[in-house]
Amino acid sequence: MRNRLLDNPFLLLSPVALAMSLLLIFASADSRETSTFDHLTTGFRLEGMHAKAECEACHSDGLFAGTPTTCGECHSQASRTRATWKPATHLVTSDRCDSCHRSFSWVPVMRFDHLEATGSCSSCHNNRIVSGQPANHVVTTEECDSCHNTRFWR
Protein backbone atom coordinates (compact mmCIF):
# COMPACT_ATOMS: atom_id res chain seq x y z
CA MET A 1 0.00 0.00 0.00
CA ARG A 2 1.46 3.29 -1.07
CA ASN A 3 1.30 6.52 0.92
CA ARG A 4 -1.21 8.97 -0.62
CA LEU A 5 0.99 11.90 0.42
CA LEU A 6 3.80 10.66 -1.80
CA ASP A 7 1.42 10.38 -4.76
CA ASN A 8 -0.01 13.85 -4.25
CA PRO A 9 2.34 16.30 -2.46
CA PHE A 10 -0.36 18.99 -2.58
CA LEU A 11 -2.26 17.14 0.18
CA LEU A 12 0.65 17.88 2.51
CA LEU A 13 1.13 21.42 1.20
CA SER A 14 -2.46 22.39 1.91
CA PRO A 15 -2.27 22.18 5.75
CA VAL A 16 1.16 23.83 5.74
CA ALA A 17 -0.09 26.68 3.53
CA LEU A 18 -3.11 27.10 5.78
CA ALA A 19 -0.93 27.28 8.90
CA MET A 20 1.41 29.80 7.27
CA SER A 21 -1.53 31.94 6.16
CA LEU A 22 -2.98 31.96 9.66
CA LEU A 23 0.38 32.98 11.12
CA LEU A 24 0.62 35.89 8.68
CA ILE A 25 -2.91 37.00 9.46
CA PHE A 26 -2.39 36.96 13.23
CA ALA A 27 1.04 38.57 12.99
CA SER A 28 -0.26 41.50 10.92
CA ALA A 29 -3.65 41.87 12.63
CA ASP A 30 -2.37 44.69 14.80
CA SER A 31 1.17 45.47 13.81
CA ARG A 32 0.72 49.12 14.77
CA GLU A 33 2.46 49.85 18.02
CA THR A 34 0.25 51.20 20.75
CA SER A 35 1.47 54.52 22.03
CA THR A 36 1.78 55.31 25.70
CA PHE A 37 1.62 59.04 24.94
CA ASP A 38 -1.00 60.83 27.06
CA HIS A 39 -2.81 63.06 24.56
CA LEU A 40 -4.48 64.99 27.39
CA THR A 41 -1.16 66.73 27.96
CA THR A 42 -1.74 68.58 24.66
CA GLY A 43 -5.05 70.04 25.81
CA PHE A 44 -6.93 68.18 23.06
CA ARG A 45 -8.94 65.24 24.37
CA LEU A 46 -9.13 62.30 21.98
CA GLU A 47 -12.72 61.16 22.20
CA GLY A 48 -15.28 59.77 19.81
CA MET A 49 -14.01 59.40 16.25
CA HIS A 50 -10.84 61.32 17.16
CA ALA A 51 -9.79 58.43 19.41
CA LYS A 52 -10.10 56.03 16.47
CA ALA A 53 -8.17 58.18 13.99
CA GLU A 54 -4.63 57.31 12.97
CA CYS A 55 -2.10 59.79 14.37
CA GLU A 56 -1.06 60.72 10.81
CA ALA A 57 -4.60 61.88 10.00
CA CYS A 58 -4.01 64.97 12.16
CA HIS A 59 -0.23 65.10 12.35
CA SER A 60 0.58 65.30 8.63
CA ASP A 61 4.18 64.80 7.60
CA GLY A 62 5.12 63.98 11.20
CA LEU A 63 4.45 67.55 12.35
CA PHE A 64 3.09 67.87 15.86
CA ALA A 65 3.61 71.56 16.67
CA GLY A 66 0.93 73.75 15.20
CA THR A 67 -1.61 70.96 14.72
CA PRO A 68 -5.06 72.58 14.57
CA THR A 69 -7.28 72.17 17.62
CA THR A 70 -10.58 73.65 16.49
CA CYS A 71 -13.17 71.87 14.38
CA GLY A 72 -13.08 74.39 11.55
CA GLU A 73 -9.29 74.31 11.25
CA CYS A 74 -9.32 70.55 10.56
CA HIS A 75 -12.72 70.00 9.00
CA SER A 76 -12.31 72.35 6.04
CA GLN A 77 -11.03 71.72 2.53
CA ALA A 78 -8.06 74.02 3.09
CA SER A 79 -6.78 71.97 6.05
CA ARG A 80 -3.56 69.99 5.89
CA THR A 81 -5.20 67.22 7.94
CA ARG A 82 -7.06 64.25 6.49
CA ALA A 83 -10.33 65.12 8.24
CA THR A 84 -13.75 65.06 6.62
CA TRP A 85 -14.92 68.55 5.73
CA LYS A 86 -18.19 70.41 5.74
CA PRO A 87 -19.97 69.68 2.44
CA ALA A 88 -21.03 72.45 0.06
CA THR A 89 -24.68 71.67 0.89
CA HIS A 90 -24.13 72.35 4.61
CA LEU A 91 -26.14 75.13 6.25
CA VAL A 92 -24.26 78.40 6.35
CA THR A 93 -22.81 78.51 9.85
CA SER A 94 -19.74 79.44 11.81
CA ASP A 95 -16.96 76.89 12.09
CA ARG A 96 -18.04 75.80 15.57
CA CYS A 97 -19.04 72.29 14.51
CA ASP A 98 -19.47 71.19 18.11
CA SER A 99 -22.38 73.59 18.58
CA CYS A 100 -24.51 71.04 16.65
CA HIS A 101 -22.40 67.91 16.14
CA ARG A 102 -20.61 65.53 18.48
CA SER A 103 -17.27 63.84 17.85
CA PHE A 104 -18.90 60.42 18.31
CA SER A 105 -20.98 60.86 15.15
CA TRP A 106 -21.67 63.72 12.77
CA VAL A 107 -25.18 62.52 12.09
CA PRO A 108 -27.72 62.83 13.54
CA VAL A 109 -27.26 66.45 14.57
CA MET A 110 -27.59 66.46 18.35
CA ARG A 111 -28.86 70.01 18.63
CA PHE A 112 -28.92 73.12 16.52
CA ASP A 113 -27.74 76.47 17.84
CA HIS A 114 -29.30 79.26 15.79
CA LEU A 115 -26.65 81.65 17.13
CA GLU A 116 -24.11 79.75 15.00
CA ALA A 117 -26.19 80.14 11.81
CA THR A 118 -25.42 82.99 9.47
CA GLY A 119 -27.70 84.44 6.85
CA SER A 120 -31.43 84.91 6.87
CA CYS A 121 -33.98 82.50 8.35
CA SER A 122 -35.45 81.78 4.92
CA SER A 123 -32.06 80.74 3.54
CA CYS A 124 -32.54 77.50 5.52
CA HIS A 125 -36.27 77.48 6.33
CA ASN A 126 -37.33 77.09 2.71
CA ASN A 127 -38.90 73.58 2.78
CA ARG A 128 -35.87 72.22 0.90
CA ILE A 129 -33.15 72.36 3.53
CA VAL A 130 -35.42 72.40 6.60
CA SER A 131 -39.11 72.99 7.11
CA GLY A 132 -40.35 76.46 6.33
CA GLN A 133 -43.70 78.17 6.21
CA PRO A 134 -46.63 75.75 6.35
CA ALA A 135 -49.27 75.95 3.61
CA ASN A 136 -51.65 77.88 5.89
CA HIS A 137 -49.06 80.54 6.84
CA VAL A 138 -49.95 84.21 6.43
CA VAL A 139 -48.60 85.40 3.08
CA THR A 140 -45.65 87.70 3.72
CA THR A 141 -42.32 88.74 2.27
CA GLU A 142 -40.90 89.52 5.71
CA GLU A 143 -38.18 87.40 7.26
CA CYS A 144 -39.24 84.82 9.87
CA ASP A 145 -37.62 86.72 12.73
CA SER A 146 -39.83 89.76 12.15
CA CYS A 147 -42.61 87.75 13.89
CA HIS A 148 -40.86 84.70 15.36
CA ASN A 149 -37.82 83.99 17.47
CA THR A 150 -35.89 80.78 18.03
CA ARG A 151 -36.96 80.45 21.64
CA PHE A 152 -40.73 80.82 21.15
CA TRP A 153 -41.57 80.01 17.57
CA ARG A 154 -45.32 80.76 17.60
C-alpha atoms as a PDB file:
ATOM      1  CA  MET A   1       0.000   0.000   0.000  1.00  0.00           C
ATOM      2  CA  ARG A   2       1.458   3.292  -1.073  1.00  0.00           C
ATOM      3  CA  ASN A   3       1.296   6.521   0.916  1.00  0.00           C
ATOM      4  CA  ARG A   4      -1.205   8.972  -0.616  1.00  0.00           C
ATOM      5  CA  LEU A   5       0.992  11.905   0.418  1.00  0.00           C
ATOM      6  CA  LEU A   6       3.795  10.660  -1.800  1.00  0.00           C
ATOM      7  CA  ASP A   7       1.421  10.381  -4.759  1.00  0.00           C
ATOM      8  CA  ASN A   8      -0.010  13.852  -4.248  1.00  0.00           C
ATOM      9  CA  PRO A   9       2.339  16.298  -2.461  1.00  0.00           C
ATOM     10  CA  PHE A  10      -0.364  18.995  -2.580  1.00  0.00           C
ATOM     11  CA  LEU A  11      -2.258  17.139   0.180  1.00  0.00           C
ATOM     12  CA  LEU A  12       0.650  17.885   2.507  1.00  0.00           C
ATOM     13  CA  LEU A  13       1.130  21.418   1.197  1.00  0.00           C
ATOM     14  CA  SER A  14      -2.462  22.388   1.908  1.00  0.00           C
ATOM     15  CA  PRO A  15      -2.273  22.177   5.755  1.00  0.00           C
ATOM     16  CA  VAL A  16       1.157  23.827   5.735  1.00  0.00           C
ATOM     17  CA  ALA A  17      -0.087  26.676   3.526  1.00  0.00           C
ATOM     18  CA  LEU A  18      -3.112  27.098   5.776  1.00  0.00           C
ATOM     19  CA  ALA A  19      -0.934  27.275   8.901  1.00  0.00           C
ATOM     20  CA  MET A  20       1.415  29.798   7.271  1.00  0.00           C
ATOM     21  CA  SER A  21      -1.531  31.943   6.159  1.00  0.00           C
ATOM     22  CA  LEU A  22      -2.984  31.955   9.665  1.00  0.00           C
ATOM     23  CA  LEU A  23       0.379  32.978  11.121  1.00  0.00           C
ATOM     24  CA  LEU A  24       0.624  35.885   8.681  1.00  0.00           C
ATOM     25  CA  ILE A  25      -2.912  37.003   9.462  1.00  0.00           C
ATOM     26  CA  PHE A  26      -2.391  36.960  13.231  1.00  0.00           C
ATOM     27  CA  ALA A  27       1.036  38.570  12.994  1.00  0.00           C
ATOM     28  CA  SER A  28      -0.262  41.495  10.922  1.00  0.00           C
ATOM     29  CA  ALA A  29      -3.648  41.874  12.630  1.00  0.00           C
ATOM     30  CA  ASP A  30      -2.370  44.693  14.800  1.00  0.00           C
ATOM     31  CA  SER A  31       1.170  45.466  13.811  1.00  0.00           C
ATOM     32  CA  ARG A  32       0.715  49.123  14.769  1.00  0.00           C
ATOM     33  CA  GLU A  33       2.460  49.853  18.018  1.00  0.00           C
ATOM     34  CA  THR A  34       0.250  51.202  20.747  1.00  0.00           C
ATOM     35  CA  SER A  35       1.474  54.515  22.033  1.00  0.00           C
ATOM     36  CA  THR A  36       1.782  55.312  25.702  1.00  0.00           C
ATOM     37  CA  PHE A  37       1.622  59.043  24.944  1.00  0.00           C
ATOM     38  CA  ASP A  38      -1.003  60.831  27.058  1.00  0.00           C
ATOM     39  CA  HIS A  39      -2.810  63.059  24.561  1.00  0.00           C
ATOM     40  CA  LEU A  40      -4.485  64.988  27.388  1.00  0.00           C
ATOM     41  CA  THR A  41      -1.158  66.732  27.955  1.00  0.00           C
ATOM     42  CA  THR A  42      -1.736  68.577  24.660  1.00  0.00           C
ATOM     43  CA  GLY A  43      -5.049  70.042  25.809  1.00  0.00           C
ATOM     44  CA  PHE A  44      -6.930  68.178  23.060  1.00  0.00           C
ATOM     45  CA  ARG A  45      -8.937  65.245  24.369  1.00  0.00           C
ATOM     46  CA  LEU A  46      -9.126  62.295  21.979  1.00  0.00           C
ATOM     47  CA  GLU A  47     -12.724  61.165  22.196  1.00  0.00           C
ATOM     48  CA  GLY A  48     -15.281  59.769  19.806  1.00  0.00           C
ATOM     49  CA  MET A  49     -14.007  59.402  16.253  1.00  0.00           C
ATOM     50  CA  HIS A  50     -10.845  61.320  17.162  1.00  0.00           C
ATOM     51  CA  ALA A  51      -9.794  58.426  19.415  1.00  0.00           C
ATOM     52  CA  LYS A  52     -10.099  56.029  16.466  1.00  0.00           C
ATOM     53  CA  ALA A  53      -8.172  58.181  13.986  1.00  0.00           C
ATOM     54  CA  GLU A  54      -4.635  57.313  12.972  1.00  0.00           C
ATOM     55  CA  CYS A  55      -2.104  59.788  14.366  1.00  0.00           C
ATOM     56  CA  GLU A  56      -1.062  60.720  10.814  1.00  0.00           C
ATOM     57  CA  ALA A  57      -4.604  61.878   9.997  1.00  0.00           C
ATOM     58  CA  CYS A  58      -4.011  64.967  12.155  1.00  0.00           C
ATOM     59  CA  HIS A  59      -0.234  65.101  12.350  1.00  0.00           C
ATOM     60  CA  SER A  60       0.575  65.304   8.631  1.00  0.00           C
ATOM     61  CA  ASP A  61       4.182  64.799   7.604  1.00  0.00           C
ATOM     62  CA  GLY A  62       5.118  63.975  11.199  1.00  0.00           C
ATOM     63  CA  LEU A  63       4.446  67.549  12.347  1.00  0.00           C
ATOM     64  CA  PHE A  64       3.088  67.874  15.860  1.00  0.00           C
ATOM     65  CA  ALA A  65       3.614  71.562  16.671  1.00  0.00           C
ATOM     66  CA  GLY A  66       0.926  73.754  15.196  1.00  0.00           C
ATOM     67  CA  THR A  67      -1.613  70.961  14.725  1.00  0.00           C
ATOM     68  CA  PRO A  68      -5.061  72.578  14.566  1.00  0.00           C
ATOM     69  CA  THR A  69      -7.276  72.173  17.618  1.00  0.00           C
ATOM     70  CA  THR A  70     -10.580  73.652  16.495  1.00  0.00           C
ATOM     71  CA  CYS A  71     -13.172  71.866  14.380  1.00  0.00           C
ATOM     72  CA  GLY A  72     -13.075  74.395  11.551  1.00  0.00           C
ATOM     73  CA  GLU A  73      -9.290  74.309  11.247  1.00  0.00           C
ATOM     74  CA  CYS A  74      -9.318  70.552  10.558  1.00  0.00           C
ATOM     75  CA  HIS A  75     -12.719  69.996   8.996  1.00  0.00           C
ATOM     76  CA  SER A  76     -12.310  72.345   6.036  1.00  0.00           C
ATOM     77  CA  GLN A  77     -11.032  71.720   2.534  1.00  0.00           C
ATOM     78  CA  ALA A  78      -8.056  74.016   3.092  1.00  0.00           C
ATOM     79  CA  SER A  79      -6.783  71.969   6.050  1.00  0.00           C
ATOM     80  CA  ARG A  80      -3.557  69.987   5.887  1.00  0.00           C
ATOM     81  CA  THR A  81      -5.196  67.221   7.937  1.00  0.00           C
ATOM     82  CA  ARG A  82      -7.064  64.251   6.494  1.00  0.00           C
ATOM     83  CA  ALA A  83     -10.330  65.119   8.241  1.00  0.00           C
ATOM     84  CA  THR A  84     -13.747  65.063   6.620  1.00  0.00           C
ATOM     85  CA  TRP A  85     -14.925  68.546   5.730  1.00  0.00           C
ATOM     86  CA  LYS A  86     -18.187  70.411   5.742  1.00  0.00           C
ATOM     87  CA  PRO A  87     -19.965  69.677   2.436  1.00  0.00           C
ATOM     88  CA  ALA A  88     -21.034  72.448   0.063  1.00  0.00           C
ATOM     89  CA  THR A  89     -24.678  71.674   0.893  1.00  0.00           C
ATOM     90  CA  HIS A  90     -24.130  72.354   4.610  1.00  0.00           C
ATOM     91  CA  LEU A  91     -26.144  75.125   6.248  1.00  0.00           C
ATOM     92  CA  VAL A  92     -24.261  78.401   6.351  1.00  0.00           C
ATOM     93  CA  THR A  93     -22.813  78.507   9.855  1.00  0.00           C
ATOM     94  CA  SER A  94     -19.744  79.441  11.811  1.00  0.00           C
ATOM     95  CA  ASP A  95     -16.963  76.890  12.090  1.00  0.00           C
ATOM     96  CA  ARG A  96     -18.038  75.801  15.573  1.00  0.00           C
ATOM     97  CA  CYS A  97     -19.039  72.285  14.505  1.00  0.00           C
ATOM     98  CA  ASP A  98     -19.472  71.190  18.112  1.00  0.00           C
ATOM     99  CA  SER A  99     -22.382  73.589  18.584  1.00  0.00           C
ATOM    100  CA  CYS A 100     -24.509  71.045  16.652  1.00  0.00           C
ATOM    101  CA  HIS A 101     -22.400  67.911  16.143  1.00  0.00           C
ATOM    102  CA  ARG A 102     -20.609  65.530  18.478  1.00  0.00           C
ATOM    103  CA  SER A 103     -17.270  63.839  17.853  1.00  0.00           C
ATOM    104  CA  PHE A 104     -18.897  60.423  18.307  1.00  0.00           C
ATOM    105  CA  SER A 105     -20.979  60.860  15.153  1.00  0.00           C
ATOM    106  CA  TRP A 106     -21.670  63.724  12.774  1.00  0.00           C
ATOM    107  CA  VAL A 107     -25.177  62.522  12.088  1.00  0.00           C
ATOM    108  CA  PRO A 108     -27.723  62.833  13.540  1.00  0.00           C
ATOM    109  CA  VAL A 109     -27.265  66.447  14.567  1.00  0.00           C
ATOM    110  CA  MET A 110     -27.587  66.462  18.349  1.00  0.00           C
ATOM    111  CA  ARG A 111     -28.856  70.011  18.630  1.00  0.00           C
ATOM    112  CA  PHE A 112     -28.921  73.125  16.524  1.00  0.00           C
ATOM    113  CA  ASP A 113     -27.744  76.465  17.836  1.00  0.00           C
ATOM    114  CA  HIS A 114     -29.304  79.261  15.793  1.00  0.00           C
ATOM    115  CA  LEU A 115     -26.652  81.653  17.135  1.00  0.00           C
ATOM    116  CA  GLU A 116     -24.113  79.750  15.003  1.00  0.00           C
ATOM    117  CA  ALA A 117     -26.187  80.145  11.815  1.00  0.00           C
ATOM    118  CA  THR A 118     -25.420  82.994   9.467  1.00  0.00           C
ATOM    119  CA  GLY A 119     -27.705  84.444   6.845  1.00  0.00           C
ATOM    120  CA  SER A 120     -31.432  84.909   6.867  1.00  0.00           C
ATOM    121  CA  CYS A 121     -33.979  82.502   8.345  1.00  0.00           C
ATOM    122  CA  SER A 122     -35.448  81.784   4.920  1.00  0.00           C
ATOM    123  CA  SER A 123     -32.061  80.741   3.540  1.00  0.00           C
ATOM    124  CA  CYS A 124     -32.545  77.503   5.517  1.00  0.00           C
ATOM    125  CA  HIS A 125     -36.273  77.484   6.328  1.00  0.00           C
ATOM    126  CA  ASN A 126     -37.332  77.090   2.705  1.00  0.00           C
ATOM    127  CA  ASN A 127     -38.900  73.579   2.775  1.00  0.00           C
ATOM    128  CA  ARG A 128     -35.868  72.217   0.898  1.00  0.00           C
ATOM    129  CA  ILE A 129     -33.146  72.359   3.534  1.00  0.00           C
ATOM    130  CA  VAL A 130     -35.418  72.402   6.602  1.00  0.00           C
ATOM    131  CA  SER A 131     -39.112  72.990   7.109  1.00  0.00           C
ATOM    132  CA  GLY A 132     -40.351  76.460   6.327  1.00  0.00           C
ATOM    133  CA  GLN A 133     -43.697  78.171   6.210  1.00  0.00           C
ATOM    134  CA  PRO A 134     -46.629  75.751   6.353  1.00  0.00           C
ATOM    135  CA  ALA A 135     -49.269  75.953   3.607  1.00  0.00           C
ATOM    136  CA  ASN A 136     -51.651  77.885   5.888  1.00  0.00           C
ATOM    137  CA  HIS A 137     -49.055  80.539   6.844  1.00  0.00           C
ATOM    138  CA  VAL A 138     -49.946  84.211   6.433  1.00  0.00           C
ATOM    139  CA  VAL A 139     -48.595  85.398   3.078  1.00  0.00           C
ATOM    140  CA  THR A 140     -45.650  87.704   3.715  1.00  0.00           C
ATOM    141  CA  THR A 141     -42.323  88.744   2.275  1.00  0.00           C
ATOM    142  CA  GLU A 142     -40.900  89.521   5.713  1.00  0.00           C
ATOM    143  CA  GLU A 143     -38.177  87.396   7.260  1.00  0.00           C
ATOM    144  CA  CYS A 144     -39.239  84.824   9.866  1.00  0.00           C
ATOM    145  CA  ASP A 145     -37.617  86.720  12.730  1.00  0.00           C
ATOM    146  CA  SER A 146     -39.834  89.758  12.154  1.00  0.00           C
ATOM    147  CA  CYS A 147     -42.606  87.745  13.891  1.00  0.00           C
ATOM    148  CA  HIS A 148     -40.859  84.695  15.361  1.00  0.00           C
ATOM    149  CA  ASN A 149     -37.819  83.993  17.467  1.00  0.00           C
ATOM    150  CA  THR A 150     -35.892  80.781  18.034  1.00  0.00           C
ATOM    151  CA  ARG A 151     -36.957  80.452  21.641  1.00  0.00           C
ATOM    152  CA  PHE A 152     -40.728  80.822  21.153  1.00  0.00           C
ATOM    153  CA  TRP A 153     -41.572  80.006  17.572  1.00  0.00           C
ATOM    154  CA  ARG A 154     -45.315  80.759  17.604  1.00  0.00           C
END
